[in-house]
Amino acid sequence: MESGPAIFAGMVFCLFGAGLLAWTVTRVRQHRPVAHGVSPVASATVAGVVATLSLALGAWCFTRL
């Protein structure tokens, strides 16, 4: 992968993952729903998994430099 697109993609994935993880942790600590109309446990689990995968994908992009 070229370094320019790898840096851009890595930053996008890492920022999205970090933002989603911060949002999920904040909502769970406040005992508020992460998504409306869905089970609180299921929505927090799915959001946490997606955030972790996004952070991992961003880290993988940075290793391709």
N, C-alpha and C. Protein backbone atom coordinates (compact mmCIF):
# COMPACT_ATOMS: atom_id res chain seq x y z
N MET A 1 0.84 -1.16 0.00
CA MET A 1 0.00 0.00 0.00
C MET A 1 0.89 1.23 0.00
N GLU A 2 0.50 2.25 -0.73
CA GLU A 2 1.28 3.48 -0.71
C GLU A 2 1.12 4.16 0.65
N SER A 3 2.10 4.95 1.02
CA SER A 3 2.08 5.50 2.38
C SER A 3 0.97 6.54 2.58
N GLY A 4 0.65 7.36 1.58
CA GLY A 4 -0.39 8.37 1.73
C GLY A 4 -1.76 7.77 2.02
N PRO A 5 -2.25 6.87 1.17
CA PRO A 5 -3.55 6.25 1.45
C PRO A 5 -3.56 5.40 2.71
N ALA A 6 -2.44 4.77 3.05
CA ALA A 6 -2.38 3.96 4.26
C ALA A 6 -2.51 4.84 5.50
N ILE A 7 -1.86 5.98 5.49
CA ILE A 7 -1.96 6.90 6.62
C ILE A 7 -3.38 7.44 6.75
N PHE A 8 -3.98 7.83 5.63
CA PHE A 8 -5.34 8.35 5.66
C PHE A 8 -6.33 7.30 6.16
N ALA A 9 -6.26 6.11 5.60
CA ALA A 9 -7.19 5.04 6.00
C ALA A 9 -6.97 4.67 7.47
N GLY A 10 -5.72 4.58 7.88
CA GLY A 10 -5.43 4.25 9.27
C GLY A 10 -5.98 5.29 10.23
N MET A 11 -5.82 6.56 9.90
CA MET A 11 -6.35 7.62 10.75
C MET A 11 -7.87 7.59 10.80
N VAL A 12 -8.52 7.37 9.66
CA VAL A 12 -9.98 7.32 9.63
C VAL A 12 -10.49 6.18 10.50
N PHE A 13 -9.93 4.99 10.32
CA PHE A 13 -10.37 3.85 11.12
C PHE A 13 -10.10 4.06 12.61
N CYS A 14 -8.93 4.58 12.94
CA CYS A 14 -8.60 4.79 14.36
C CYS A 14 -9.48 5.86 15.01
N LEU A 15 -9.73 6.95 14.29
CA LEU A 15 -10.59 8.00 14.85
C LEU A 15 -12.02 7.51 15.03
N PHE A 16 -12.53 6.77 14.04
CA PHE A 16 -13.88 6.23 14.16
C PHE A 16 -13.97 5.24 15.32
N GLY A 17 -13.00 4.34 15.41
CA GLY A 17 -13.01 3.35 16.48
C GLY A 17 -12.90 3.98 17.85
N ALA A 18 -12.02 4.96 17.98
CA ALA A 18 -11.85 5.63 19.27
C ALA A 18 -13.10 6.41 19.66
N GLY A 19 -13.70 7.09 18.69
CA GLY A 19 -14.93 7.84 18.97
C GLY A 19 -16.08 6.92 19.36
N LEU A 20 -16.23 5.83 18.63
CA LEU A 20 -17.31 4.88 18.93
C LEU A 20 -17.09 4.22 20.28
N LEU A 21 -15.85 3.89 20.59
CA LEU A 21 -15.55 3.27 21.88
C LEU A 21 -15.81 4.25 23.02
N ALA A 22 -15.42 5.51 22.84
CA ALA A 22 -15.67 6.52 23.88
C ALA A 22 -17.17 6.73 24.07
N TRP A 23 -17.91 6.79 22.97
CA TRP A 23 -19.37 6.96 23.03
C TRP A 23 -20.01 5.78 23.78
N THR A 24 -19.60 4.58 23.44
CA THR A 24 -20.18 3.38 24.06
C THR A 24 -19.88 3.33 25.55
N VAL A 25 -18.64 3.59 25.92
CA VAL A 25 -18.26 3.56 27.34
C VAL A 25 -19.00 4.63 28.13
N THR A 26 -19.13 5.82 27.55
CA THR A 26 -19.84 6.90 28.23
C THR A 26 -21.31 6.55 28.44
N ARG A 27 -21.95 6.01 27.41
CA ARG A 27 -23.37 5.66 27.52
C ARG A 27 -23.60 4.52 28.52
N VAL A 28 -22.71 3.54 28.52
CA VAL A 28 -22.86 2.42 29.44
C VAL A 28 -22.65 2.87 30.88
N ARG A 29 -21.66 3.73 31.11
CA ARG A 29 -21.41 4.21 32.47
C ARG A 29 -22.57 5.04 33.01
N GLN A 30 -23.27 5.75 32.11
CA GLN A 30 -24.41 6.56 32.53
C GLN A 30 -25.71 5.76 32.58
N HIS A 31 -25.64 4.47 32.30
CA HIS A 31 -26.81 3.59 32.27
C HIS A 31 -27.86 4.10 31.28
N ARG A 32 -27.39 4.59 30.13
CA ARG A 32 -28.27 5.05 29.07
C ARG A 32 -28.11 4.12 27.88
N PRO A 33 -29.12 4.02 27.03
CA PRO A 33 -29.02 3.09 25.90
C PRO A 33 -28.00 3.56 24.86
N VAL A 34 -27.30 2.61 24.27
CA VAL A 34 -26.36 2.92 23.20
C VAL A 34 -27.13 3.12 21.89
N ALA A 35 -28.18 2.31 21.69
CA ALA A 35 -29.06 2.43 20.53
C ALA A 35 -30.49 2.25 21.00
N HIS A 36 -31.39 3.06 20.49
CA HIS A 36 -32.79 2.99 20.91
C HIS A 36 -33.49 1.82 20.23
N GLY A 37 -34.35 1.15 20.97
CA GLY A 37 -35.14 0.06 20.43
C GLY A 37 -34.42 -1.27 20.38
N VAL A 38 -33.24 -1.35 20.96
CA VAL A 38 -32.45 -2.58 20.95
C VAL A 38 -32.08 -2.92 22.39
N SER A 39 -31.84 -4.18 22.65
CA SER A 39 -31.41 -4.59 23.98
C SER A 39 -30.13 -3.84 24.37
N PRO A 40 -30.08 -3.29 25.58
CA PRO A 40 -28.89 -2.54 25.99
C PRO A 40 -27.61 -3.36 25.95
N VAL A 41 -27.70 -4.62 26.34
CA VAL A 41 -26.51 -5.48 26.35
C VAL A 41 -26.07 -5.76 24.92
N ALA A 42 -27.01 -6.07 24.04
CA ALA A 42 -26.66 -6.37 22.65
C ALA A 42 -26.08 -5.16 21.94
N SER A 43 -26.68 -3.99 22.14
CA SER A 43 -26.17 -2.80 21.45
C SER A 43 -24.79 -2.41 21.95
N ALA A 44 -24.55 -2.52 23.25
CA ALA A 44 -23.22 -2.20 23.78
C ALA A 44 -22.18 -3.21 23.30
N THR A 45 -22.57 -4.47 23.21
CA THR A 45 -21.65 -5.51 22.74
C THR A 45 -21.29 -5.29 21.28
N VAL A 46 -22.28 -5.06 20.45
CA VAL A 46 -22.02 -4.87 19.02
C VAL A 46 -21.19 -3.61 18.80
N ALA A 47 -21.53 -2.53 19.48
CA ALA A 47 -20.76 -1.29 19.33
C ALA A 47 -19.32 -1.47 19.80
N GLY A 48 -19.12 -2.20 20.89
CA GLY A 48 -17.76 -2.45 21.38
C GLY A 48 -16.95 -3.30 20.42
N VAL A 49 -17.59 -4.31 19.84
CA VAL A 49 -16.89 -5.17 18.87
C VAL A 49 -16.53 -4.39 17.62
N VAL A 50 -17.45 -3.58 17.11
CA VAL A 50 -17.18 -2.79 15.91
C VAL A 50 -16.07 -1.78 16.19
N ALA A 51 -16.08 -1.16 17.36
CA ALA A 51 -15.03 -0.19 17.70
C ALA A 51 -13.67 -0.87 17.79
N THR A 52 -13.62 -2.04 18.40
CA THR A 52 -12.36 -2.77 18.52
C THR A 52 -11.85 -3.21 17.16
N LEU A 53 -12.74 -3.71 16.31
CA LEU A 53 -12.33 -4.10 14.96
C LEU A 53 -11.83 -2.91 14.16
N SER A 54 -12.48 -1.78 14.31
CA SER A 54 -12.05 -0.58 13.60
C SER A 54 -10.66 -0.13 14.06
N LEU A 55 -10.41 -0.18 15.36
CA LEU A 55 -9.08 0.17 15.87
C LEU A 55 -8.02 -0.81 15.38
N ALA A 56 -8.37 -2.08 15.34
CA ALA A 56 -7.42 -3.09 14.85
C ALA A 56 -7.14 -2.90 13.37
N LEU A 57 -8.15 -2.58 12.60
CA LEU A 57 -7.96 -2.34 11.17
C LEU A 57 -7.11 -1.09 10.94
N GLY A 58 -7.31 -0.07 11.75
CA GLY A 58 -6.46 1.12 11.65
C GLY A 58 -5.01 0.82 11.98
N ALA A 59 -4.79 0.01 13.01
CA ALA A 59 -3.42 -0.39 13.36
C ALA A 59 -2.80 -1.21 12.25
N TRP A 60 -3.59 -2.08 11.62
CA TRP A 60 -3.08 -2.88 10.51
C TRP A 60 -2.67 -1.97 9.34
N CYS A 61 -3.46 -0.94 9.07
CA CYS A 61 -3.10 0.00 8.00
C CYS A 61 -1.78 0.69 8.29
N PHE A 62 -1.55 1.02 9.56
CA PHE A 62 -0.28 1.68 9.92
C PHE A 62 0.90 0.74 9.81
N THR A 63 0.69 -0.56 9.95
CA THR A 63 1.81 -1.49 9.79
C THR A 63 2.18 -1.68 8.32
N ARG A 64 1.35 -1.24 7.40
CA ARG A 64 1.61 -1.37 5.97
C ARG A 64 2.41 -0.22 5.39
N LEU A 65 2.90 0.67 6.23
CA LEU A 65 3.67 1.82 5.72
C LEU A 65 5.00 1.42 5.22
